[in-house]
Protein backbone atom coordinates (compact mmCIF):
# COMPACT_ATOMS: atom_id res chain seq x y z
CA UNK A 1 0.00 0.00 0.00
CA UNK A 2 1.41 3.39 -0.91
CA UNK A 3 0.88 6.60 1.00
CA UNK A 4 -1.81 9.07 -0.01
CA UNK A 5 -0.52 11.98 -2.09
CA UNK A 6 -1.44 15.48 -0.96
CA UNK A 7 -2.56 17.49 -3.98
CA UNK A 8 -2.76 21.01 -2.53
CA UNK A 9 0.29 22.45 -0.79
CA UNK A 10 0.70 25.08 1.91
CA UNK A 11 3.09 27.85 0.84
CA UNK A 12 4.40 31.01 2.51
CA UNK A 13 5.06 32.37 5.99
CA UNK A 14 2.55 34.61 7.73
CA UNK A 15 2.37 36.29 11.13
CA UNK A 16 -1.20 36.65 12.38
CA UNK A 17 -2.74 38.27 15.45
CA UNK A 18 -4.38 36.07 18.08
CA UNK A 19 -6.79 37.64 20.56
CA UNK A 20 -7.34 36.89 24.24
CA UNK A 21 -10.15 34.45 23.39
CA UNK A 22 -7.85 32.47 21.08
CA UNK A 23 -9.44 33.66 17.84
CA UNK A 24 -6.94 33.56 15.01
CA UNK A 25 -7.38 34.41 11.32
CA UNK A 26 -6.04 31.69 9.05
CA UNK A 27 -4.06 33.14 6.11
CA UNK A 28 -6.26 33.11 2.99
CA UNK A 29 -3.98 30.76 1.03
CA UNK A 30 -3.98 28.32 3.95
CA UNK A 31 -7.80 28.49 4.08
CA UNK A 32 -7.95 27.67 0.37
CA UNK A 33 -5.69 24.63 0.84
CA UNK A 34 -7.83 23.48 3.81
CA UNK A 35 -11.03 23.91 1.78
CA UNK A 36 -9.69 22.05 -1.27
CA UNK A 37 -8.25 19.35 0.98
CA UNK A 38 -11.54 18.71 2.82
CA UNK A 39 -13.98 16.51 0.90
CA UNK A 40 -16.83 17.57 3.20
CA UNK A 41 -16.30 21.32 2.70
CA UNK A 42 -19.02 23.18 0.81
CA UNK A 43 -19.15 26.97 0.56
CA UNK A 44 -21.98 29.03 1.99
CA UNK A 45 -24.67 29.61 -0.62
CA UNK A 46 -27.72 30.81 1.31
CA UNK A 47 -29.65 30.31 4.57
CA UNK A 48 -31.19 27.21 3.02
CA UNK A 49 -27.76 25.94 1.93
CA UNK A 50 -25.41 27.10 4.67
CA UNK A 51 -22.49 24.89 3.56
CA UNK A 52 -19.93 23.24 5.81
CA UNK A 53 -16.73 24.69 7.21
CA UNK A 54 -13.28 23.41 6.26
CA UNK A 55 -11.41 21.55 8.97
CA UNK A 56 -7.77 21.42 9.95
CA UNK A 57 -6.05 19.22 12.49
CA UNK A 58 -3.56 20.85 14.81
CA UNK A 59 -1.03 18.29 16.05
CA UNK A 60 0.57 19.45 19.26
CA UNK A 61 2.67 16.32 19.74
CA UNK A 62 4.91 15.55 22.63
CA UNK A 63 5.90 17.86 25.46
CA UNK A 64 8.85 19.99 24.41
CA UNK A 65 7.85 20.19 20.73
CA UNK A 66 8.39 23.95 20.06
CA UNK A 67 5.65 24.22 17.41
CA UNK A 68 2.41 22.59 16.32
CA UNK A 69 1.78 21.02 12.93
CA UNK A 70 -1.39 21.83 10.97
CA UNK A 71 -2.93 19.48 8.40
CA UNK A 72 -5.83 19.62 5.99
CA UNK A 73 -8.17 16.60 6.00
CA UNK A 74 -6.27 15.35 2.95
CA UNK A 75 -2.94 15.84 4.75
CA UNK A 76 -4.14 13.87 7.79
CA UNK A 77 -5.30 11.08 5.45
CA UNK A 78 -1.69 10.84 4.28
CA UNK A 79 -0.48 10.59 7.91
CA UNK A 80 -3.16 7.95 8.61
CA UNK A 81 -1.93 5.94 5.62
CA UNK A 82 1.68 6.14 6.79
CA UNK A 83 0.76 5.00 10.31
CA UNK A 84 -1.37 2.14 8.96
CA UNK A 85 1.67 0.86 7.03
CA UNK A 86 3.76 0.65 10.21
CA UNK A 87 3.96 -2.74 11.94
CA UNK A 88 1.91 -3.04 15.12
CA UNK A 89 4.05 -3.74 18.17
CA UNK A 90 7.41 -3.00 16.54
CA UNK A 91 10.34 -3.35 18.94
CA UNK A 92 11.24 0.35 18.76
CA UNK A 93 7.66 1.43 19.50
CA UNK A 94 7.62 3.73 16.46
CA UNK A 95 3.97 3.09 15.56
CA UNK A 96 2.80 3.62 19.12
CA UNK A 97 4.76 6.88 19.31
CA UNK A 98 3.32 8.04 15.96
CA UNK A 99 -0.20 7.20 17.17
CA UNK A 100 0.38 9.18 20.37
CA UNK A 101 1.69 12.20 18.45
CA UNK A 102 -0.82 12.26 15.59
CA UNK A 103 -3.95 10.85 17.23
CA UNK A 104 -3.79 11.38 20.99
CA UNK A 105 -2.06 14.77 20.82
CA UNK A 106 -4.10 16.39 18.08
CA UNK A 107 -7.09 18.70 17.98
CA UNK A 108 -9.47 19.15 15.03
CA UNK A 109 -10.58 22.73 14.38
CA UNK A 110 -13.14 24.25 12.01
CA UNK A 111 -12.40 27.40 10.07
CA UNK A 112 -15.43 29.62 10.69
CA UNK A 113 -17.27 31.87 8.22
CA UNK A 114 -14.87 34.73 9.06
CA UNK A 115 -11.81 32.58 8.24
CA UNK A 116 -10.83 32.07 11.86
CA UNK A 117 -10.04 29.17 14.13
CA UNK A 118 -10.23 29.21 17.91
CA UNK A 119 -7.15 27.91 19.66
CA UNK A 120 -8.08 26.33 23.02
CA UNK A 121 -6.48 27.83 26.13
CA UNK A 122 -4.37 24.74 26.91
CA UNK A 123 -2.76 24.97 23.46
CA UNK A 124 -2.16 28.72 23.75
CA UNK A 125 -0.42 28.09 27.06
CA UNK A 126 1.66 25.24 25.62
CA UNK A 127 3.36 27.56 23.10
CA UNK A 128 3.04 30.71 25.23
CA UNK A 129 0.96 32.35 22.48
CA UNK A 130 0.21 35.93 23.31
CA UNK A 131 -0.60 38.40 20.57
CA UNK A 132 0.88 36.78 17.48
CA UNK A 133 1.33 33.41 15.76
CA UNK A 134 3.59 32.47 12.84
CA UNK A 135 2.20 30.14 10.18
CA UNK A 136 5.12 28.50 8.31
CA UNK A 137 4.27 26.40 5.24
CA UNK A 138 5.94 23.03 4.76
CA UNK A 139 4.06 21.78 1.69
CA UNK A 140 1.77 18.99 2.93
CA UNK A 141 1.41 20.70 6.31
CA UNK A 142 2.28 23.91 8.11
CA UNK A 143 3.99 24.73 11.36
CA UNK A 144 2.40 26.95 13.95
CA UNK A 145 4.93 28.89 16.09
CA UNK A 146 5.28 31.50 18.77
CA UNK A 147 7.23 34.04 16.64
CA UNK A 148 9.83 34.72 19.38
CA UNK A 149 10.56 30.99 19.82
CA UNK A 150 10.94 30.50 16.08
CA UNK A 151 13.27 33.49 15.75
CA UNK A 152 15.42 32.18 18.60
CA UNK A 153 15.74 28.69 17.13
CA UNK A 154 16.24 29.75 13.52
CA UNK A 155 18.64 32.70 13.86
CA UNK A 156 21.80 30.59 13.45
CA UNK A 157 20.37 28.66 10.50
CA UNK A 158 19.53 31.88 8.69
CA UNK A 159 23.08 33.22 9.09
CA UNK A 160 24.64 29.96 7.83
CA UNK A 161 22.31 29.84 4.84
CA UNK A 162 23.16 33.43 3.94
CA UNK A 163 26.80 32.37 3.71
CA UNK A 164 25.77 29.55 1.31
CA UNK A 165 24.25 32.10 -1.07
CA UNK A 166 27.42 34.18 -0.97
CA UNK A 167 29.25 31.05 -2.18
CA UNK A 168 26.88 30.64 -5.17
CA UNK A 169 24.31 28.25 -3.71
CA UNK A 170 21.21 27.63 -5.87
CA UNK A 171 18.00 26.24 -4.32
CA UNK A 172 17.66 23.98 -7.39
CA UNK A 173 20.80 22.10 -6.25
CA UNK A 174 18.75 20.61 -3.40
CA UNK A 175 17.10 18.33 -5.98
CA UNK A 176 20.35 17.02 -7.48
CA UNK A 177 20.34 13.24 -7.49
CA UNK A 178 16.65 12.90 -6.61
CA UNK A 179 14.25 11.35 -9.09
CA UNK A 180 12.51 14.07 -11.04
CA UNK A 181 14.81 16.70 -9.59
CA UNK A 182 16.03 19.85 -11.23
CA UNK A 183 19.39 20.53 -12.50
C-alpha atoms as a PDB file:
ATOM      1  CA  UNK A   1       0.000   0.000   0.000  1.00  0.00           C
ATOM      2  CA  UNK A   2       1.413   3.389  -0.905  1.00  0.00           C
ATOM      3  CA  UNK A   3       0.877   6.600   0.998  1.00  0.00           C
ATOM      4  CA  UNK A   4      -1.808   9.065  -0.012  1.00  0.00           C
ATOM      5  CA  UNK A   5      -0.518  11.978  -2.091  1.00  0.00           C
ATOM      6  CA  UNK A   6      -1.444  15.483  -0.957  1.00  0.00           C
ATOM      7  CA  UNK A   7      -2.559  17.487  -3.981  1.00  0.00           C
ATOM      8  CA  UNK A   8      -2.762  21.008  -2.531  1.00  0.00           C
ATOM      9  CA  UNK A   9       0.293  22.450  -0.789  1.00  0.00           C
ATOM     10  CA  UNK A  10       0.696  25.076   1.912  1.00  0.00           C
ATOM     11  CA  UNK A  11       3.092  27.854   0.835  1.00  0.00           C
ATOM     12  CA  UNK A  12       4.399  31.013   2.511  1.00  0.00           C
ATOM     13  CA  UNK A  13       5.058  32.370   5.990  1.00  0.00           C
ATOM     14  CA  UNK A  14       2.547  34.610   7.727  1.00  0.00           C
ATOM     15  CA  UNK A  15       2.375  36.288  11.130  1.00  0.00           C
ATOM     16  CA  UNK A  16      -1.201  36.654  12.378  1.00  0.00           C
ATOM     17  CA  UNK A  17      -2.736  38.270  15.451  1.00  0.00           C
ATOM     18  CA  UNK A  18      -4.376  36.072  18.078  1.00  0.00           C
ATOM     19  CA  UNK A  19      -6.791  37.644  20.560  1.00  0.00           C
ATOM     20  CA  UNK A  20      -7.344  36.889  24.243  1.00  0.00           C
ATOM     21  CA  UNK A  21     -10.149  34.451  23.387  1.00  0.00           C
ATOM     22  CA  UNK A  22      -7.855  32.469  21.079  1.00  0.00           C
ATOM     23  CA  UNK A  23      -9.440  33.662  17.837  1.00  0.00           C
ATOM     24  CA  UNK A  24      -6.941  33.556  15.011  1.00  0.00           C
ATOM     25  CA  UNK A  25      -7.376  34.412  11.321  1.00  0.00           C
ATOM     26  CA  UNK A  26      -6.039  31.693   9.053  1.00  0.00           C
ATOM     27  CA  UNK A  27      -4.062  33.142   6.109  1.00  0.00           C
ATOM     28  CA  UNK A  28      -6.257  33.114   2.987  1.00  0.00           C
ATOM     29  CA  UNK A  29      -3.979  30.757   1.027  1.00  0.00           C
ATOM     30  CA  UNK A  30      -3.982  28.320   3.948  1.00  0.00           C
ATOM     31  CA  UNK A  31      -7.804  28.489   4.077  1.00  0.00           C
ATOM     32  CA  UNK A  32      -7.947  27.673   0.370  1.00  0.00           C
ATOM     33  CA  UNK A  33      -5.688  24.630   0.845  1.00  0.00           C
ATOM     34  CA  UNK A  34      -7.825  23.485   3.806  1.00  0.00           C
ATOM     35  CA  UNK A  35     -11.032  23.908   1.775  1.00  0.00           C
ATOM     36  CA  UNK A  36      -9.692  22.055  -1.270  1.00  0.00           C
ATOM     37  CA  UNK A  37      -8.255  19.352   0.980  1.00  0.00           C
ATOM     38  CA  UNK A  38     -11.542  18.708   2.824  1.00  0.00           C
ATOM     39  CA  UNK A  39     -13.978  16.509   0.896  1.00  0.00           C
ATOM     40  CA  UNK A  40     -16.835  17.573   3.196  1.00  0.00           C
ATOM     41  CA  UNK A  41     -16.302  21.318   2.698  1.00  0.00           C
ATOM     42  CA  UNK A  42     -19.016  23.179   0.813  1.00  0.00           C
ATOM     43  CA  UNK A  43     -19.147  26.966   0.559  1.00  0.00           C
ATOM     44  CA  UNK A  44     -21.980  29.034   1.994  1.00  0.00           C
ATOM     45  CA  UNK A  45     -24.670  29.614  -0.619  1.00  0.00           C
ATOM     46  CA  UNK A  46     -27.724  30.811   1.310  1.00  0.00           C
ATOM     47  CA  UNK A  47     -29.654  30.308   4.573  1.00  0.00           C
ATOM     48  CA  UNK A  48     -31.194  27.212   3.023  1.00  0.00           C
ATOM     49  CA  UNK A  49     -27.764  25.938   1.928  1.00  0.00           C
ATOM     50  CA  UNK A  50     -25.405  27.097   4.668  1.00  0.00           C
ATOM     51  CA  UNK A  51     -22.487  24.892   3.559  1.00  0.00           C
ATOM     52  CA  UNK A  52     -19.929  23.238   5.811  1.00  0.00           C
ATOM     53  CA  UNK A  53     -16.734  24.690   7.207  1.00  0.00           C
ATOM     54  CA  UNK A  54     -13.282  23.410   6.265  1.00  0.00           C
ATOM     55  CA  UNK A  55     -11.415  21.553   8.972  1.00  0.00           C
ATOM     56  CA  UNK A  56      -7.769  21.419   9.947  1.00  0.00           C
ATOM     57  CA  UNK A  57      -6.052  19.222  12.491  1.00  0.00           C
ATOM     58  CA  UNK A  58      -3.564  20.854  14.813  1.00  0.00           C
ATOM     59  CA  UNK A  59      -1.034  18.294  16.050  1.00  0.00           C
ATOM     60  CA  UNK A  60       0.574  19.455  19.263  1.00  0.00           C
ATOM     61  CA  UNK A  61       2.670  16.317  19.740  1.00  0.00           C
ATOM     62  CA  UNK A  62       4.908  15.548  22.634  1.00  0.00           C
ATOM     63  CA  UNK A  63       5.897  17.861  25.462  1.00  0.00           C
ATOM     64  CA  UNK A  64       8.846  19.986  24.405  1.00  0.00           C
ATOM     65  CA  UNK A  65       7.848  20.192  20.728  1.00  0.00           C
ATOM     66  CA  UNK A  66       8.390  23.947  20.061  1.00  0.00           C
ATOM     67  CA  UNK A  67       5.649  24.218  17.414  1.00  0.00           C
ATOM     68  CA  UNK A  68       2.405  22.586  16.316  1.00  0.00           C
ATOM     69  CA  UNK A  69       1.781  21.017  12.931  1.00  0.00           C
ATOM     70  CA  UNK A  70      -1.393  21.833  10.970  1.00  0.00           C
ATOM     71  CA  UNK A  71      -2.931  19.484   8.396  1.00  0.00           C
ATOM     72  CA  UNK A  72      -5.832  19.621   5.990  1.00  0.00           C
ATOM     73  CA  UNK A  73      -8.173  16.599   5.998  1.00  0.00           C
ATOM     74  CA  UNK A  74      -6.266  15.350   2.947  1.00  0.00           C
ATOM     75  CA  UNK A  75      -2.940  15.838   4.750  1.00  0.00           C
ATOM     76  CA  UNK A  76      -4.139  13.867   7.786  1.00  0.00           C
ATOM     77  CA  UNK A  77      -5.302  11.081   5.448  1.00  0.00           C
ATOM     78  CA  UNK A  78      -1.689  10.842   4.281  1.00  0.00           C
ATOM     79  CA  UNK A  79      -0.477  10.591   7.905  1.00  0.00           C
ATOM     80  CA  UNK A  80      -3.164   7.951   8.613  1.00  0.00           C
ATOM     81  CA  UNK A  81      -1.931   5.945   5.620  1.00  0.00           C
ATOM     82  CA  UNK A  82       1.682   6.136   6.790  1.00  0.00           C
ATOM     83  CA  UNK A  83       0.758   5.000  10.308  1.00  0.00           C
ATOM     84  CA  UNK A  84      -1.373   2.137   8.957  1.00  0.00           C
ATOM     85  CA  UNK A  85       1.673   0.862   7.032  1.00  0.00           C
ATOM     86  CA  UNK A  86       3.764   0.650  10.213  1.00  0.00           C
ATOM     87  CA  UNK A  87       3.962  -2.737  11.945  1.00  0.00           C
ATOM     88  CA  UNK A  88       1.910  -3.039  15.122  1.00  0.00           C
ATOM     89  CA  UNK A  89       4.047  -3.738  18.172  1.00  0.00           C
ATOM     90  CA  UNK A  90       7.410  -3.003  16.540  1.00  0.00           C
ATOM     91  CA  UNK A  91      10.343  -3.353  18.944  1.00  0.00           C
ATOM     92  CA  UNK A  92      11.241   0.347  18.759  1.00  0.00           C
ATOM     93  CA  UNK A  93       7.659   1.429  19.504  1.00  0.00           C
ATOM     94  CA  UNK A  94       7.618   3.731  16.459  1.00  0.00           C
ATOM     95  CA  UNK A  95       3.968   3.086  15.559  1.00  0.00           C
ATOM     96  CA  UNK A  96       2.802   3.615  19.123  1.00  0.00           C
ATOM     97  CA  UNK A  97       4.759   6.877  19.309  1.00  0.00           C
ATOM     98  CA  UNK A  98       3.324   8.044  15.955  1.00  0.00           C
ATOM     99  CA  UNK A  99      -0.200   7.196  17.168  1.00  0.00           C
ATOM    100  CA  UNK A 100       0.382   9.182  20.371  1.00  0.00           C
ATOM    101  CA  UNK A 101       1.692  12.199  18.455  1.00  0.00           C
ATOM    102  CA  UNK A 102      -0.820  12.256  15.592  1.00  0.00           C
ATOM    103  CA  UNK A 103      -3.948  10.847  17.234  1.00  0.00           C
ATOM    104  CA  UNK A 104      -3.788  11.383  20.993  1.00  0.00           C
ATOM    105  CA  UNK A 105      -2.063  14.769  20.821  1.00  0.00           C
ATOM    106  CA  UNK A 106      -4.104  16.389  18.075  1.00  0.00           C
ATOM    107  CA  UNK A 107      -7.085  18.699  17.980  1.00  0.00           C
ATOM    108  CA  UNK A 108      -9.469  19.147  15.029  1.00  0.00           C
ATOM    109  CA  UNK A 109     -10.582  22.728  14.380  1.00  0.00           C
ATOM    110  CA  UNK A 110     -13.136  24.252  12.012  1.00  0.00           C
ATOM    111  CA  UNK A 111     -12.402  27.398  10.072  1.00  0.00           C
ATOM    112  CA  UNK A 112     -15.426  29.619  10.689  1.00  0.00           C
ATOM    113  CA  UNK A 113     -17.271  31.871   8.217  1.00  0.00           C
ATOM    114  CA  UNK A 114     -14.869  34.735   9.060  1.00  0.00           C
ATOM    115  CA  UNK A 115     -11.814  32.582   8.242  1.00  0.00           C
ATOM    116  CA  UNK A 116     -10.828  32.074  11.865  1.00  0.00           C
ATOM    117  CA  UNK A 117     -10.039  29.173  14.134  1.00  0.00           C
ATOM    118  CA  UNK A 118     -10.235  29.214  17.911  1.00  0.00           C
ATOM    119  CA  UNK A 119      -7.147  27.910  19.663  1.00  0.00           C
ATOM    120  CA  UNK A 120      -8.078  26.331  23.016  1.00  0.00           C
ATOM    121  CA  UNK A 121      -6.479  27.834  26.132  1.00  0.00           C
ATOM    122  CA  UNK A 122      -4.373  24.742  26.910  1.00  0.00           C
ATOM    123  CA  UNK A 123      -2.764  24.967  23.458  1.00  0.00           C
ATOM    124  CA  UNK A 124      -2.163  28.724  23.750  1.00  0.00           C
ATOM    125  CA  UNK A 125      -0.422  28.087  27.060  1.00  0.00           C
ATOM    126  CA  UNK A 126       1.655  25.238  25.625  1.00  0.00           C
ATOM    127  CA  UNK A 127       3.364  27.555  23.095  1.00  0.00           C
ATOM    128  CA  UNK A 128       3.038  30.713  25.229  1.00  0.00           C
ATOM    129  CA  UNK A 129       0.959  32.349  22.485  1.00  0.00           C
ATOM    130  CA  UNK A 130       0.214  35.934  23.306  1.00  0.00           C
ATOM    131  CA  UNK A 131      -0.605  38.397  20.567  1.00  0.00           C
ATOM    132  CA  UNK A 132       0.877  36.776  17.484  1.00  0.00           C
ATOM    133  CA  UNK A 133       1.332  33.409  15.757  1.00  0.00           C
ATOM    134  CA  UNK A 134       3.589  32.473  12.838  1.00  0.00           C
ATOM    135  CA  UNK A 135       2.204  30.139  10.176  1.00  0.00           C
ATOM    136  CA  UNK A 136       5.116  28.502   8.314  1.00  0.00           C
ATOM    137  CA  UNK A 137       4.270  26.402   5.244  1.00  0.00           C
ATOM    138  CA  UNK A 138       5.936  23.028   4.760  1.00  0.00           C
ATOM    139  CA  UNK A 139       4.055  21.784   1.692  1.00  0.00           C
ATOM    140  CA  UNK A 140       1.770  18.995   2.932  1.00  0.00           C
ATOM    141  CA  UNK A 141       1.408  20.697   6.312  1.00  0.00           C
ATOM    142  CA  UNK A 142       2.283  23.909   8.106  1.00  0.00           C
ATOM    143  CA  UNK A 143       3.995  24.727  11.359  1.00  0.00           C
ATOM    144  CA  UNK A 144       2.395  26.953  13.952  1.00  0.00           C
ATOM    145  CA  UNK A 145       4.927  28.887  16.093  1.00  0.00           C
ATOM    146  CA  UNK A 146       5.279  31.504  18.770  1.00  0.00           C
ATOM    147  CA  UNK A 147       7.233  34.041  16.643  1.00  0.00           C
ATOM    148  CA  UNK A 148       9.831  34.717  19.378  1.00  0.00           C
ATOM    149  CA  UNK A 149      10.556  30.995  19.823  1.00  0.00           C
ATOM    150  CA  UNK A 150      10.940  30.503  16.081  1.00  0.00           C
ATOM    151  CA  UNK A 151      13.269  33.494  15.753  1.00  0.00           C
ATOM    152  CA  UNK A 152      15.417  32.185  18.598  1.00  0.00           C
ATOM    153  CA  UNK A 153      15.737  28.692  17.131  1.00  0.00           C
ATOM    154  CA  UNK A 154      16.244  29.751  13.522  1.00  0.00           C
ATOM    155  CA  UNK A 155      18.641  32.696  13.864  1.00  0.00           C
ATOM    156  CA  UNK A 156      21.805  30.591  13.452  1.00  0.00           C
ATOM    157  CA  UNK A 157      20.371  28.660  10.499  1.00  0.00           C
ATOM    158  CA  UNK A 158      19.534  31.878   8.693  1.00  0.00           C
ATOM    159  CA  UNK A 159      23.080  33.220   9.086  1.00  0.00           C
ATOM    160  CA  UNK A 160      24.637  29.963   7.833  1.00  0.00           C
ATOM    161  CA  UNK A 161      22.315  29.837   4.839  1.00  0.00           C
ATOM    162  CA  UNK A 162      23.160  33.433   3.939  1.00  0.00           C
ATOM    163  CA  UNK A 163      26.804  32.370   3.709  1.00  0.00           C
ATOM    164  CA  UNK A 164      25.773  29.551   1.313  1.00  0.00           C
ATOM    165  CA  UNK A 165      24.245  32.098  -1.072  1.00  0.00           C
ATOM    166  CA  UNK A 166      27.417  34.183  -0.973  1.00  0.00           C
ATOM    167  CA  UNK A 167      29.250  31.047  -2.184  1.00  0.00           C
ATOM    168  CA  UNK A 168      26.878  30.645  -5.171  1.00  0.00           C
ATOM    169  CA  UNK A 169      24.308  28.246  -3.715  1.00  0.00           C
ATOM    170  CA  UNK A 170      21.211  27.632  -5.868  1.00  0.00           C
ATOM    171  CA  UNK A 171      17.999  26.238  -4.319  1.00  0.00           C
ATOM    172  CA  UNK A 172      17.661  23.977  -7.390  1.00  0.00           C
ATOM    173  CA  UNK A 173      20.801  22.102  -6.252  1.00  0.00           C
ATOM    174  CA  UNK A 174      18.748  20.608  -3.403  1.00  0.00           C
ATOM    175  CA  UNK A 175      17.103  18.329  -5.976  1.00  0.00           C
ATOM    176  CA  UNK A 176      20.352  17.019  -7.484  1.00  0.00           C
ATOM    177  CA  UNK A 177      20.339  13.244  -7.487  1.00  0.00           C
ATOM    178  CA  UNK A 178      16.654  12.901  -6.613  1.00  0.00           C
ATOM    179  CA  UNK A 179      14.250  11.349  -9.086  1.00  0.00           C
ATOM    180  CA  UNK A 180      12.511  14.072 -11.041  1.00  0.00           C
ATOM    181  CA  UNK A 181      14.815  16.695  -9.593  1.00  0.00           C
ATOM    182  CA  UNK A 182      16.029  19.852 -11.235  1.00  0.00           C
ATOM    183  CA  UNK A 183      19.394  20.534 -12.495  1.00  0.00           C
END
